[in-house]
Amino acid sequence: MGAALDLILFSILIIAVFTAAIGMSKGRSFLGWLILGAVFPILGLIAVAAMPNLKGQIRAGDAKKCPSCAETVRREAAVCRHCGHTFDRAAEQETARIETRNLRYAALIGIAVIVVSAYFMR
């Protein structure tokens, strides 16, 4: 009975981490989807898979959102055609660097959770 319970809890933990990773890749809260995935494993995974991507066009590489007017403009644009905002290339690169770092931290947390869980299941 103890081994079966450990396997169930480990499976729930794995599903919760995958749910949170998918949610984060869609521009949602990692912690929020981790909790939801732990409380409702299968339902949370289905819900996050069905959610629209908040990063949609921004991640596609073809367009970006203007921080002043929130309109979509071409990625290569130096000035927003809607409001005249001038884009700062250094700020855009910093944002991309921070997003990459956050994704790495989320992956490391997921791996650490799996390793610790596997250690305690022995």
PDB file of N, CA and C in Angstrom:
ATOM      1  N   MET A   1       0.828  -1.197   0.000  1.00  0.00           N
ATOM      2  CA  MET A   1       0.000   0.000   0.000  1.00  0.00           C
ATOM      3  C   MET A   1       0.868   1.255   0.000  1.00  0.00           C
ATOM      4  N   GLY A   2       1.969   1.274   0.725  1.00  0.00           N
ATOM      5  CA  GLY A   2       2.848   2.432   0.805  1.00  0.00           C
ATOM      6  C   GLY A   2       3.503   2.744  -0.528  1.00  0.00           C
ATOM      7  N   ALA A   3       3.920   1.707  -1.271  1.00  0.00           N
ATOM      8  CA  ALA A   3       4.570   1.923  -2.568  1.00  0.00           C
ATOM      9  C   ALA A   3       3.582   2.486  -3.582  1.00  0.00           C
ATOM     10  N   ALA A   4       2.335   2.016  -3.531  1.00  0.00           N
ATOM     11  CA  ALA A   4       1.317   2.512  -4.453  1.00  0.00           C
ATOM     12  C   ALA A   4       1.019   3.983  -4.192  1.00  0.00           C
ATOM     13  N   LEU A   5       0.962   4.366  -2.931  1.00  0.00           N
ATOM     14  CA  LEU A   5       0.713   5.762  -2.582  1.00  0.00           C
ATOM     15  C   LEU A   5       1.868   6.648  -3.018  1.00  0.00           C
ATOM     16  N   ASP A   6       3.104   6.156  -2.827  1.00  0.00           N
ATOM     17  CA  ASP A   6       4.272   6.903  -3.280  1.00  0.00           C
ATOM     18  C   ASP A   6       4.243   7.116  -4.784  1.00  0.00           C
ATOM     19  N   LEU A   7       3.861   6.091  -5.522  1.00  0.00           N
ATOM     20  CA  LEU A   7       3.787   6.198  -6.983  1.00  0.00           C
ATOM     21  C   LEU A   7       2.721   7.204  -7.410  1.00  0.00           C
ATOM     22  N   ILE A   8       1.597   7.194  -6.742  1.00  0.00           N
ATOM     23  CA  ILE A   8       0.522   8.143  -7.056  1.00  0.00           C
ATOM     24  C   ILE A   8       0.970   9.575  -6.771  1.00  0.00           C
ATOM     25  N   LEU A   9       1.593   9.792  -5.616  1.00  0.00           N
ATOM     26  CA  LEU A   9       2.058  11.137  -5.276  1.00  0.00           C
ATOM     27  C   LEU A   9       3.153  11.610  -6.228  1.00  0.00           C
ATOM     28  N   PHE A  10       4.047  10.706  -6.599  1.00  0.00           N
ATOM     29  CA  PHE A  10       5.097  11.051  -7.553  1.00  0.00           C
ATOM     30  C   PHE A  10       4.492  11.412  -8.910  1.00  0.00           C
ATOM     31  N   SER A  11       3.489  10.665  -9.352  1.00  0.00           N
ATOM     32  CA  SER A  11       2.816  10.956 -10.626  1.00  0.00           C
ATOM     33  C   SER A  11       2.119  12.310 -10.582  1.00  0.00           C
ATOM     34  N   ILE A  12       1.465  12.608  -9.469  1.00  0.00           N
ATOM     35  CA  ILE A  12       0.800  13.907  -9.319  1.00  0.00           C
ATOM     36  C   ILE A  12       1.825  15.025  -9.374  1.00  0.00           C
ATOM     37  N   LEU A  13       2.961  14.829  -8.739  1.00  0.00           N
ATOM     38  CA  LEU A  13       4.019  15.835  -8.743  1.00  0.00           C
ATOM     39  C   LEU A  13       4.561  16.075 -10.149  1.00  0.00           C
ATOM     40  N   ILE A  14       4.781  15.006 -10.891  1.00  0.00           N
ATOM     41  CA  ILE A  14       5.273  15.131 -12.265  1.00  0.00           C
ATOM     42  C   ILE A  14       4.254  15.874 -13.130  1.00  0.00           C
ATOM     43  N   ILE A  15       2.987  15.514 -13.014  1.00  0.00           N
ATOM     44  CA  ILE A  15       1.944  16.180 -13.794  1.00  0.00           C
ATOM     45  C   ILE A  15       1.858  17.655 -13.414  1.00  0.00           C
ATOM     46  N   ALA A  16       1.997  17.968 -12.124  1.00  0.00           N
ATOM     47  CA  ALA A  16       1.939  19.362 -11.667  1.00  0.00           C
ATOM     48  C   ALA A  16       3.087  20.175 -12.258  1.00  0.00           C
ATOM     49  N   VAL A  17       4.283  19.608 -12.301  1.00  0.00           N
ATOM     50  CA  VAL A  17       5.432  20.318 -12.870  1.00  0.00           C
ATOM     51  C   VAL A  17       5.232  20.536 -14.368  1.00  0.00           C
ATOM     52  N   PHE A  18       4.742  19.516 -15.075  1.00  0.00           N
ATOM     53  CA  PHE A  18       4.477  19.683 -16.510  1.00  0.00           C
ATOM     54  C   PHE A  18       3.385  20.728 -16.746  1.00  0.00           C
ATOM     55  N   THR A  19       2.353  20.720 -15.914  1.00  0.00           N
ATOM     56  CA  THR A  19       1.280  21.706 -16.034  1.00  0.00           C
ATOM     57  C   THR A  19       1.831  23.118 -15.848  1.00  0.00           C
ATOM     58  N   ALA A  20       2.674  23.302 -14.839  1.00  0.00           N
ATOM     59  CA  ALA A  20       3.264  24.617 -14.575  1.00  0.00           C
ATOM     60  C   ALA A  20       4.196  25.054 -15.704  1.00  0.00           C
ATOM     61  N   ALA A  21       4.971  24.112 -16.256  1.00  0.00           N
ATOM     62  CA  ALA A  21       5.885  24.445 -17.353  1.00  0.00           C
ATOM     63  C   ALA A  21       5.105  24.868 -18.599  1.00  0.00           C
ATOM     64  N   ILE A  22       4.026  24.167 -18.897  1.00  0.00           N
ATOM     65  CA  ILE A  22       3.198  24.531 -20.050  1.00  0.00           C
ATOM     66  C   ILE A  22       2.554  25.896 -19.808  1.00  0.00           C
ATOM     67  N   GLY A  23       2.049  26.109 -18.592  1.00  0.00           N
ATOM     68  CA  GLY A  23       1.444  27.395 -18.267  1.00  0.00           C
ATOM     69  C   GLY A  23       2.428  28.538 -18.399  1.00  0.00           C
ATOM     70  N   MET A  24       3.654  28.337 -17.924  1.00  0.00           N
ATOM     71  CA  MET A  24       4.664  29.384 -18.023  1.00  0.00           C
ATOM     72  C   MET A  24       5.038  29.651 -19.479  1.00  0.00           C
ATOM     73  N   SER A  25       5.093  28.604 -20.287  1.00  0.00           N
ATOM     74  CA  SER A  25       5.431  28.808 -21.694  1.00  0.00           C
ATOM     75  C   SER A  25       4.333  29.562 -22.441  1.00  0.00           C
ATOM     76  N   LYS A  26       3.124  29.572 -21.874  1.00  0.00           N
ATOM     77  CA  LYS A  26       2.010  30.312 -22.473  1.00  0.00           C
ATOM     78  C   LYS A  26       1.813  31.678 -21.824  1.00  0.00           C
ATOM     79  N   GLY A  27       2.773  32.118 -21.010  1.00  0.00           N
ATOM     80  CA  GLY A  27       2.698  33.439 -20.399  1.00  0.00           C
ATOM     81  C   GLY A  27       1.878  33.489 -19.137  1.00  0.00           C
ATOM     82  N   ARG A  28       1.670  32.361 -18.498  1.00  0.00           N
ATOM     83  CA  ARG A  28       0.870  32.294 -17.275  1.00  0.00           C
ATOM     84  C   ARG A  28       1.787  32.126 -16.057  1.00  0.00           C
ATOM     85  N   SER A  29       1.214  32.136 -14.877  1.00  0.00           N
ATOM     86  CA  SER A  29       1.965  32.017 -13.631  1.00  0.00           C
ATOM     87  C   SER A  29       2.443  30.580 -13.403  1.00  0.00           C
ATOM     88  N   PHE A  30       3.752  30.407 -13.205  1.00  0.00           N
ATOM     89  CA  PHE A  30       4.302  29.079 -12.941  1.00  0.00           C
ATOM     90  C   PHE A  30       3.755  28.528 -11.633  1.00  0.00           C
ATOM     91  N   LEU A  31       3.807  29.328 -10.561  1.00  0.00           N
ATOM     92  CA  LEU A  31       3.372  28.870  -9.250  1.00  0.00           C
ATOM     93  C   LEU A  31       1.875  28.571  -9.227  1.00  0.00           C
ATOM     94  N   GLY A  32       1.089  29.423  -9.853  1.00  0.00           N
ATOM     95  CA  GLY A  32      -0.355  29.201  -9.892  1.00  0.00           C
ATOM     96  C   GLY A  32      -0.722  27.895 -10.573  1.00  0.00           C
ATOM     97  N   TRP A  33      -0.095  27.614 -11.706  1.00  0.00           N
ATOM     98  CA  TRP A  33      -0.394  26.378 -12.428  1.00  0.00           C
ATOM     99  C   TRP A  33       0.234  25.169 -11.750  1.00  0.00           C
ATOM    100  N   LEU A  34       1.323  25.357 -11.005  1.00  0.00           N
ATOM    101  CA  LEU A  34       1.902  24.256 -10.230  1.00  0.00           C
ATOM    102  C   LEU A  34       0.922  23.817  -9.145  1.00  0.00           C
ATOM    103  N   ILE A  35       0.345  24.785  -8.447  1.00  0.00           N
ATOM    104  CA  ILE A  35      -0.633  24.472  -7.401  1.00  0.00           C
ATOM    105  C   ILE A  35      -1.875  23.836  -8.009  1.00  0.00           C
ATOM    106  N   LEU A  36      -2.382  24.420  -9.086  1.00  0.00           N
ATOM    107  CA  LEU A  36      -3.567  23.862  -9.738  1.00  0.00           C
ATOM    108  C   LEU A  36      -3.300  22.447 -10.250  1.00  0.00           C
ATOM    109  N   GLY A  37      -2.100  22.228 -10.810  1.00  0.00           N
ATOM    110  CA  GLY A  37      -1.746  20.906 -11.306  1.00  0.00           C
ATOM    111  C   GLY A  37      -1.581  19.894 -10.192  1.00  0.00           C
ATOM    112  N   ALA A  38      -1.209  20.337  -8.990  1.00  0.00           N
ATOM    113  CA  ALA A  38      -1.070  19.417  -7.856  1.00  0.00           C
ATOM    114  C   ALA A  38      -2.432  19.063  -7.253  1.00  0.00           C
ATOM    115  N   VAL A  39      -3.346  20.041  -7.229  1.00  0.00           N
ATOM    116  CA  VAL A  39      -4.661  19.803  -6.646  1.00  0.00           C
ATOM    117  C   VAL A  39      -5.574  19.038  -7.617  1.00  0.00           C
ATOM    118  N   PHE A  40      -5.542  19.423  -8.882  1.00  0.00           N
ATOM    119  CA  PHE A  40      -6.349  18.775  -9.923  1.00  0.00           C
ATOM    120  C   PHE A  40      -5.434  18.340 -11.063  1.00  0.00           C
ATOM    121  N   PRO A  41      -4.699  17.235 -10.924  1.00  0.00           N
ATOM    122  CA  PRO A  41      -3.649  16.893 -11.894  1.00  0.00           C
ATOM    123  C   PRO A  41      -4.120  16.793 -13.347  1.00  0.00           C
ATOM    124  N   ILE A  42      -5.037  15.925 -13.632  1.00  0.00           N
ATOM    125  CA  ILE A  42      -5.463  15.719 -15.018  1.00  0.00           C
ATOM    126  C   ILE A  42      -6.252  16.920 -15.524  1.00  0.00           C
ATOM    127  N   LEU A  43      -7.168  17.421 -14.710  1.00  0.00           N
ATOM    128  CA  LEU A  43      -7.974  18.574 -15.105  1.00  0.00           C
ATOM    129  C   LEU A  43      -7.100  19.800 -15.336  1.00  0.00           C
ATOM    130  N   GLY A  44      -6.099  20.010 -14.486  1.00  0.00           N
ATOM    131  CA  GLY A  44      -5.192  21.142 -14.653  1.00  0.00           C
ATOM    132  C   GLY A  44      -4.385  21.039 -15.934  1.00  0.00           C
ATOM    133  N   LEU A  45      -3.925  19.834 -16.254  1.00  0.00           N
ATOM    134  CA  LEU A  45      -3.160  19.626 -17.484  1.00  0.00           C
ATOM    135  C   LEU A  45      -4.021  19.892 -18.716  1.00  0.00           C
ATOM    136  N   ILE A  46      -5.249  19.424 -18.685  1.00  0.00           N
ATOM    137  CA  ILE A  46      -6.164  19.655 -19.805  1.00  0.00           C
ATOM    138  C   ILE A  46      -6.485  21.152 -19.928  1.00  0.00           C
ATOM    139  N   ALA A  47      -6.720  21.804 -18.790  1.00  0.00           N
ATOM    140  CA  ALA A  47      -7.063  23.230 -18.808  1.00  0.00           C
ATOM    141  C   ALA A  47      -5.923  24.078 -19.352  1.00  0.00           C
ATOM    142  N   VAL A  48      -4.706  23.816 -18.903  1.00  0.00           N
ATOM    143  CA  VAL A  48      -3.579  24.629 -19.371  1.00  0.00           C
ATOM    144  C   VAL A  48      -3.282  24.360 -20.843  1.00  0.00           C
ATOM    145  N   ALA A  49      -3.529  23.160 -21.291  1.00  0.00           N
ATOM    146  CA  ALA A  49      -3.318  22.853 -22.706  1.00  0.00           C
ATOM    147  C   ALA A  49      -4.341  23.578 -23.584  1.00  0.00           C
ATOM    148  N   ALA A  50      -5.547  23.769 -23.046  1.00  0.00           N
ATOM    149  CA  ALA A  50      -6.611  24.423 -23.814  1.00  0.00           C
ATOM    150  C   ALA A  50      -6.542  25.948 -23.735  1.00  0.00           C
ATOM    151  N   MET A  51      -5.790  26.492 -22.798  1.00  0.00           N
ATOM    152  CA  MET A  51      -5.702  27.947 -22.625  1.00  0.00           C
ATOM    153  C   MET A  51      -5.007  28.595 -23.813  1.00  0.00           C
ATOM    154  N   PRO A  52      -5.429  29.783 -24.200  1.00  0.00           N
ATOM    155  CA  PRO A  52      -4.733  30.490 -25.281  1.00  0.00           C
ATOM    156  C   PRO A  52      -3.366  30.986 -24.821  1.00  0.00           C
ATOM    157  N   ASN A  53      -2.487  31.103 -25.763  1.00  0.00           N
ATOM    158  CA  ASN A  53      -1.141  31.570 -25.475  1.00  0.00           C
ATOM    159  C   ASN A  53      -1.157  33.087 -25.348  1.00  0.00           C
ATOM    160  N   LEU A  54      -0.789  33.597 -24.179  1.00  0.00           N
ATOM    161  CA  LEU A  54      -0.752  35.048 -23.980  1.00  0.00           C
ATOM    162  C   LEU A  54       0.439  35.682 -24.689  1.00  0.00           C
ATOM    163  N   LYS A  55       1.438  34.882 -24.983  1.00  0.00           N
ATOM    164  CA  LYS A  55       2.621  35.401 -25.658  1.00  0.00           C
ATOM    165  C   LYS A  55       2.464  35.308 -27.170  1.00  0.00           C
ATOM    166  N   GLY A  56       1.420  34.665 -27.639  1.00  0.00           N
ATOM    167  CA  GLY A  56       1.078  34.459 -29.039  1.00  0.00           C
ATOM    168  C   GLY A  56       1.993  35.057 -30.079  1.00  0.00           C
ATOM    169  N   GLN A  57       1.674  36.243 -30.556  1.00  0.00           N
ATOM    170  CA  GLN A  57       2.428  36.869 -31.627  1.00  0.00           C
ATOM    171  C   GLN A  57       3.798  37.333 -31.175  1.00  0.00           C
ATOM    172  N   ILE A  58       3.934  37.663 -29.919  1.00  0.00           N
ATOM    173  CA  ILE A  58       5.224  38.132 -29.434  1.00  0.00           C
ATOM    174  C   ILE A  58       6.260  37.021 -29.538  1.00  0.00           C
ATOM    175  N   ARG A  59       5.872  35.779 -29.265  1.00  0.00           N
ATOM    176  CA  ARG A  59       6.777  34.647 -29.346  1.00  0.00           C
ATOM    177  C   ARG A  59       6.969  34.165 -30.783  1.00  0.00           C
ATOM    178  N   ALA A  60       6.046  34.478 -31.658  1.00  0.00           N
ATOM    179  CA  ALA A  60       6.123  33.971 -33.026  1.00  0.00           C
ATOM    180  C   ALA A  60       7.332  34.523 -33.769  1.00  0.00           C
ATOM    181  N   GLY A  61       7.837  35.676 -33.367  1.00  0.00           N
ATOM    182  CA  GLY A  61       9.007  36.250 -34.014  1.00  0.00           C
ATOM    183  C   GLY A  61       8.657  37.229 -35.124  1.00  0.00           C
ATOM    184  N   ASP A  62       7.405  37.280 -35.546  1.00  0.00           N
ATOM    185  CA  ASP A  62       6.999  38.167 -36.625  1.00  0.00           C
ATOM    186  C   ASP A  62       6.546  39.531 -36.119  1.00  0.00           C
ATOM    187  N   ALA A  63       6.097  39.605 -34.876  1.00  0.00           N
ATOM    188  CA  ALA A  63       5.524  40.842 -34.372  1.00  0.00           C
ATOM    189  C   ALA A  63       5.904  41.036 -32.908  1.00  0.00           C
ATOM    190  N   LYS A  64       5.730  42.258 -32.443  1.00  0.00           N
ATOM    191  CA  LYS A  64       5.936  42.579 -31.040  1.00  0.00           C
ATOM    192  C   LYS A  64       4.871  43.572 -30.613  1.00  0.00           C
ATOM    193  N   LYS A  65       4.682  43.708 -29.309  1.00  0.00           N
ATOM    194  CA  LYS A  65       3.676  44.609 -28.778  1.00  0.00           C
ATOM    195  C   LYS A  65       4.343  45.910 -28.356  1.00  0.00           C
ATOM    196  N   CYS A  66       3.748  47.026 -28.737  1.00  0.00           N
ATOM    197  CA  CYS A  66       4.254  48.343 -28.344  1.00  0.00           C
ATOM    198  C   CYS A  66       3.952  48.563 -26.863  1.00  0.00           C
ATOM    199  N   PRO A  67       4.952  48.936 -26.054  1.00  0.00           N
ATOM    200  CA  PRO A  67       4.693  49.148 -24.627  1.00  0.00           C
ATOM    201  C   PRO A  67       3.867  50.401 -24.329  1.00  0.00           C
ATOM    202  N   SER A  68       3.771  51.324 -25.276  1.00  0.00           N
ATOM    203  CA  SER A  68       3.003  52.552 -25.048  1.00  0.00           C
ATOM    204  C   SER A  68       1.526  52.386 -25.380  1.00  0.00           C
ATOM    205  N   CYS A  69       1.234  51.821 -26.558  1.00  0.00           N
ATOM    206  CA  CYS A  69      -0.163  51.739 -26.991  1.00  0.00           C
ATOM    207  C   CYS A  69      -0.705  50.310 -27.050  1.00  0.00           C
ATOM    208  N   ALA A  70       0.156  49.310 -26.833  1.00  0.00           N
ATOM    209  CA  ALA A  70      -0.209  47.893 -26.819  1.00  0.00           C
ATOM    210  C   ALA A  70      -0.663  47.368 -28.179  1.00  0.00           C
ATOM    211  N   GLU A  71      -0.389  48.097 -29.242  1.00  0.00           N
ATOM    212  CA  GLU A  71      -0.699  47.617 -30.588  1.00  0.00           C
ATOM    213  C   GLU A  71       0.424  46.694 -31.071  1.00  0.00           C
ATOM    214  N   THR A  72       0.088  45.794 -31.992  1.00  0.00           N
ATOM    215  CA  THR A  72       1.066  44.879 -32.553  1.00  0.00           C
ATOM    216  C   THR A  72       1.754  45.532 -33.744  1.00  0.00           C
ATOM    217  N   VAL A  73       3.091  45.482 -33.728  1.00  0.00           N
ATOM    218  CA  VAL A  73       3.888  46.029 -34.828  1.00  0.00           C
ATOM    219  C   VAL A  73       4.911  44.980 -35.258  1.00  0.00           C
ATOM    220  N   ARG A  74       5.528  45.191 -36.406  1.00  0.00           N
ATOM    221  CA  ARG A  74       6.537  44.246 -36.890  1.00  0.00           C
ATOM    222  C   ARG A  74       7.735  44.223 -35.951  1.00  0.00           C
ATOM    223  N   ARG A  75       8.346  43.064 -35.823  1.00  0.00           N
ATOM    224  CA  ARG A  75       9.492  42.884 -34.924  1.00  0.00           C
ATOM    225  C   ARG A  75      10.634  43.826 -35.269  1.00  0.00           C
ATOM    226  N   GLU A  76      10.847  44.099 -36.552  1.00  0.00           N
ATOM    227  CA  GLU A  76      11.969  44.929 -36.993  1.00  0.00           C
ATOM    228  C   GLU A  76      11.716  46.426 -36.838  1.00  0.00           C
ATOM    229  N   ALA A  77      10.502  46.808 -36.467  1.00  0.00           N
ATOM    230  CA  ALA A  77      10.152  48.232 -36.384  1.00  0.00           C
ATOM    231  C   ALA A  77      10.975  48.949 -35.325  1.00  0.00           C
ATOM    232  N   ALA A  78      11.485  50.122 -35.683  1.00  0.00           N
ATOM    233  CA  ALA A  78      12.219  50.952 -34.739  1.00  0.00           C
ATOM    234  C   ALA A  78      11.288  51.974 -34.085  1.00  0.00           C
ATOM    235  N   VAL A  79      10.157  52.274 -34.769  1.00  0.00           N
ATOM    236  CA  VAL A  79       9.177  53.235 -34.276  1.00  0.00           C
ATOM    237  C   VAL A  79       7.782  52.638 -34.480  1.00  0.00           C
ATOM    238  N   CYS A  80       6.917  52.766 -33.476  1.00  0.00           N
ATOM    239  CA  CYS A  80       5.544  52.258 -33.583  1.00  0.00           C
ATOM    240  C   CYS A  80       4.764  53.112 -34.578  1.00  0.00           C
ATOM    241  N   ARG A  81       4.098  52.458 -35.516  1.00  0.00           N
ATOM    242  CA  ARG A  81       3.341  53.202 -36.530  1.00  0.00           C
ATOM    243  C   ARG A  81       2.031  53.757 -35.979  1.00  0.00           C
ATOM    244  N   HIS A  82       1.620  53.295 -34.798  1.00  0.00           N
ATOM    245  CA  HIS A  82       0.360  53.743 -34.216  1.00  0.00           C
ATOM    246  C   HIS A  82       0.525  54.967 -33.321  1.00  0.00           C
ATOM    247  N   CYS A  83       1.584  54.969 -32.499  1.00  0.00           N
ATOM    248  CA  CYS A  83       1.725  56.065 -31.526  1.00  0.00           C
ATOM    249  C   CYS A  83       3.064  56.800 -31.627  1.00  0.00           C
ATOM    250  N   GLY A  84       4.005  56.281 -32.418  1.00  0.00           N
ATOM    251  CA  GLY A  84       5.289  56.946 -32.586  1.00  0.00           C
ATOM    252  C   GLY A  84       6.327  56.589 -31.532  1.00  0.00           C
ATOM    253  N   HIS A  85       6.034  55.606 -30.676  1.00  0.00           N
ATOM    254  CA  HIS A  85       6.992  55.179 -29.649  1.00  0.00           C
ATOM    255  C   HIS A  85       8.265  54.643 -30.303  1.00  0.00           C
ATOM    256  N   THR A  86       9.427  55.071 -29.787  1.00  0.00           N
ATOM    257  CA  THR A  86      10.707  54.579 -30.289  1.00  0.00           C
ATOM    258  C   THR A  86      11.139  53.394 -29.449  1.00  0.00           C
ATOM    259  N   PHE A  87      11.414  52.271 -30.104  1.00  0.00           N
ATOM    260  CA  PHE A  87      11.802  51.051 -29.403  1.00  0.00           C
ATOM    261  C   PHE A  87      13.282  51.073 -29.067  1.00  0.00           C
ATOM    262  N   ASP A  88      13.594  50.619 -27.864  1.00  0.00           N
ATOM    263  CA  ASP A  88      14.973  50.537 -27.383  1.00  0.00           C
ATOM    264  C   ASP A  88      15.455  49.103 -27.548  1.00  0.00           C
ATOM    265  N   ARG A  89      16.406  48.877 -28.431  1.00  0.00           N
ATOM    266  CA  ARG A  89      16.916  47.523 -28.708  1.00  0.00           C
ATOM    267  C   ARG A  89      17.539  46.900 -27.465  1.00  0.00           C
ATOM    268  N   ALA A  90      18.234  47.687 -26.661  1.00  0.00           N
ATOM    269  CA  ALA A  90      18.887  47.150 -25.462  1.00  0.00           C
ATOM    270  C   ALA A  90      17.844  46.639 -24.468  1.00  0.00           C
ATOM    271  N   ALA A  91      16.741  47.357 -24.326  1.00  0.00           N
ATOM    272  CA  ALA A  91      15.675  46.929 -23.408  1.00  0.00           C
ATOM    273  C   ALA A  91      15.025  45.638 -23.895  1.00  0.00           C
ATOM    274  N   GLU A  92      14.838  45.510 -25.215  1.00  0.00           N
ATOM    275  CA  GLU A  92      14.254  44.290 -25.771  1.00  0.00           C
ATOM    276  C   GLU A  92      15.169  43.099 -25.543  1.00  0.00           C
ATOM    277  N   GLN A  93      16.469  43.293 -25.696  1.00  0.00           N
ATOM    278  CA  GLN A  93      17.419  42.210 -25.468  1.00  0.00           C
ATOM    279  C   GLN A  93      17.449  41.828 -23.988  1.00  0.00           C
ATOM    280  N   GLU A  94      17.341  42.796 -23.107  1.00  0.00           N
ATOM    281  CA  GLU A  94      17.321  42.517 -21.670  1.00  0.00           C
ATOM    282  C   GLU A  94      16.080  41.720 -21.298  1.00  0.00           C
ATOM    283  N   THR A  95      14.932  42.066 -21.865  1.00  0.00           N
ATOM    284  CA  THR A  95      13.698  41.334 -21.613  1.00  0.00           C
ATOM    285  C   THR A  95      13.824  39.891 -22.075  1.00  0.00           C
ATOM    286  N   ALA A  96      14.391  39.682 -23.253  1.00  0.00           N
ATOM    287  CA  ALA A  96      14.586  38.323 -23.759  1.00  0.00           C
ATOM    288  C   ALA A  96      15.529  37.542 -22.859  1.00  0.00           C
ATOM    289  N   ARG A  97      16.566  38.191 -22.352  1.00  0.00           N
ATOM    290  CA  ARG A  97      17.519  37.528 -21.461  1.00  0.00           C
ATOM    291  C   ARG A  97      16.846  37.121 -20.153  1.00  0.00           C
ATOM    292  N   ILE A  98      16.000  37.979 -19.609  1.00  0.00           N
ATOM    293  CA  ILE A  98      15.293  37.675 -18.361  1.00  0.00           C
ATOM    294  C   ILE A  98      14.319  36.519 -18.563  1.00  0.00           C
ATOM    295  N   GLU A  99      13.599  36.511 -19.683  1.00  0.00           N
ATOM    296  CA  GLU A  99      12.673  35.418 -19.963  1.00  0.00           C
ATOM    297  C   GLU A  99      13.407  34.089 -20.062  1.00  0.00           C
ATOM    298  N   THR A 100      14.562  34.090 -20.715  1.00  0.00           N
ATOM    299  CA  THR A 100      15.354  32.867 -20.838  1.00  0.00           C
ATOM    300  C   THR A 100      15.835  32.405 -19.466  1.00  0.00           C
ATOM    301  N   ARG A 101      16.273  33.335 -18.633  1.00  0.00           N
ATOM    302  CA  ARG A 101      16.737  32.986 -17.291  1.00  0.00           C
ATOM    303  C   ARG A 101      15.601  32.402 -16.461  1.00  0.00           C
ATOM    304  N   ASN A 102      14.403  32.996 -16.534  1.00  0.00           N
ATOM    305  CA  ASN A 102      13.263  32.489 -15.777  1.00  0.00           C
ATOM    306  C   ASN A 102      12.882  31.086 -16.219  1.00  0.00           C
ATOM    307  N   LEU A 103      12.954  30.818 -17.507  1.00  0.00           N
ATOM    308  CA  LEU A 103      12.640  29.485 -18.011  1.00  0.00           C
ATOM    309  C   LEU A 103      13.659  28.469 -17.500  1.00  0.00           C
ATOM    310  N   ARG A 104      14.925  28.855 -17.445  1.00  0.00           N
ATOM    311  CA  ARG A 104      15.963  27.960 -16.915  1.00  0.00           C
ATOM    312  C   ARG A 104      15.718  27.672 -15.436  1.00  0.00           C
ATOM    313  N   TYR A 105      15.352  28.701 -14.662  1.00  0.00           N
ATOM    314  CA  TYR A 105      15.071  28.493 -13.240  1.00  0.00           C
ATOM    315  C   TYR A 105      13.887  27.529 -13.062  1.00  0.00           C
ATOM    316  N   ALA A 106      12.862  27.692 -13.864  1.00  0.00           N
ATOM    317  CA  ALA A 106      11.700  26.805 -13.768  1.00  0.00           C
ATOM    318  C   ALA A 106      12.093  25.364 -14.088  1.00  0.00           C
ATOM    319  N   ALA A 107      12.930  25.180 -15.097  1.00  0.00           N
ATOM    320  CA  ALA A 107      13.389  23.836 -15.441  1.00  0.00           C
ATOM    321  C   ALA A 107      14.224  23.241 -14.315  1.00  0.00           C
ATOM    322  N   LEU A 108      15.094  24.035 -13.704  1.00  0.00           N
ATOM    323  CA  LEU A 108      15.908  23.545 -12.592  1.00  0.00           C
ATOM    324  C   LEU A 108      15.051  23.175 -11.386  1.00  0.00           C
ATOM    325  N   ILE A 109      14.031  23.970 -11.101  1.00  0.00           N
ATOM    326  CA  ILE A 109      13.130  23.654  -9.992  1.00  0.00           C
ATOM    327  C   ILE A 109      12.398  22.350 -10.264  1.00  0.00           C
ATOM    328  N   GLY A 110      11.933  22.179 -11.497  1.00  0.00           N
ATOM    329  CA  GLY A 110      11.252  20.938 -11.865  1.00  0.00           C
ATOM    330  C   GLY A 110      12.159  19.730 -11.723  1.00  0.00           C
ATOM    331  N   ILE A 111      13.387  19.845 -12.182  1.00  0.00           N
ATOM    332  CA  ILE A 111      14.337  18.739 -12.076  1.00  0.00           C
ATOM    333  C   ILE A 111      14.647  18.445 -10.612  1.00  0.00           C
ATOM    334  N   ALA A 112      14.826  19.491  -9.806  1.00  0.00           N
ATOM    335  CA  ALA A 112      15.115  19.305  -8.381  1.00  0.00           C
ATOM    336  C   ALA A 112      13.964  18.596  -7.671  1.00  0.00           C
ATOM    337  N   VAL A 113      12.736  18.977  -8.006  1.00  0.00           N
ATOM    338  CA  VAL A 113      11.567  18.333  -7.397  1.00  0.00           C
ATOM    339  C   VAL A 113      11.532  16.853  -7.766  1.00  0.00           C
ATOM    340  N   ILE A 114      11.808  16.545  -9.008  1.00  0.00           N
ATOM    341  CA  ILE A 114      11.797  15.151  -9.449  1.00  0.00           C
ATOM    342  C   ILE A 114      12.897  14.359  -8.746  1.00  0.00           C
ATOM    343  N   VAL A 115      14.100  14.915  -8.653  1.00  0.00           N
ATOM    344  CA  VAL A 115      15.215  14.212  -8.007  1.00  0.00           C
ATOM    345  C   VAL A 115      14.933  13.980  -6.527  1.00  0.00           C
ATOM    346  N   VAL A 116      14.439  15.000  -5.828  1.00  0.00           N
ATOM    347  CA  VAL A 116      14.135  14.850  -4.406  1.00  0.00           C
ATOM    348  C   VAL A 116      13.018  13.826  -4.204  1.00  0.00           C
ATOM    349  N   SER A 117      12.016  13.857  -5.052  1.00  0.00           N
ATOM    350  CA  SER A 117      10.918  12.888  -4.946  1.00  0.00           C
ATOM    351  C   SER A 117      11.424  11.475  -5.193  1.00  0.00           C
ATOM    352  N   ALA A 118      12.280  11.307  -6.193  1.00  0.00           N
ATOM    353  CA  ALA A 118      12.821   9.983  -6.475  1.00  0.00           C
ATOM    354  C   ALA A 118      13.675   9.485  -5.312  1.00  0.00           C
ATOM    355  N   TYR A 119      14.401  10.393  -4.662  1.00  0.00           N
ATOM    356  CA  TYR A 119      15.237  10.007  -3.532  1.00  0.00           C
ATOM    357  C   TYR A 119      14.378   9.478  -2.384  1.00  0.00           C
ATOM    358  N   PHE A 120      13.276  10.159  -2.087  1.00  0.00           N
ATOM    359  CA  PHE A 120      12.432   9.746  -0.971  1.00  0.00           C
ATOM    360  C   PHE A 120      11.553   8.543  -1.307  1.00  0.00           C
ATOM    361  N   MET A 121      11.435   8.196  -2.574  1.00  0.00           N
ATOM    362  CA  MET A 121      10.631   7.020  -2.951  1.00  0.00           C
ATOM    363  C   MET A 121      11.410   5.715  -2.780  1.00  0.00           C
ATOM    364  N   ARG A 122      12.730   5.771  -2.601  1.00  0.00           N
ATOM    365  CA  ARG A 122      13.505   4.535  -2.512  1.00  0.00           C
ATOM    366  C   ARG A 122      13.136   3.724  -1.323  1.00  0.00           C
TER     367      ARG A 122
END
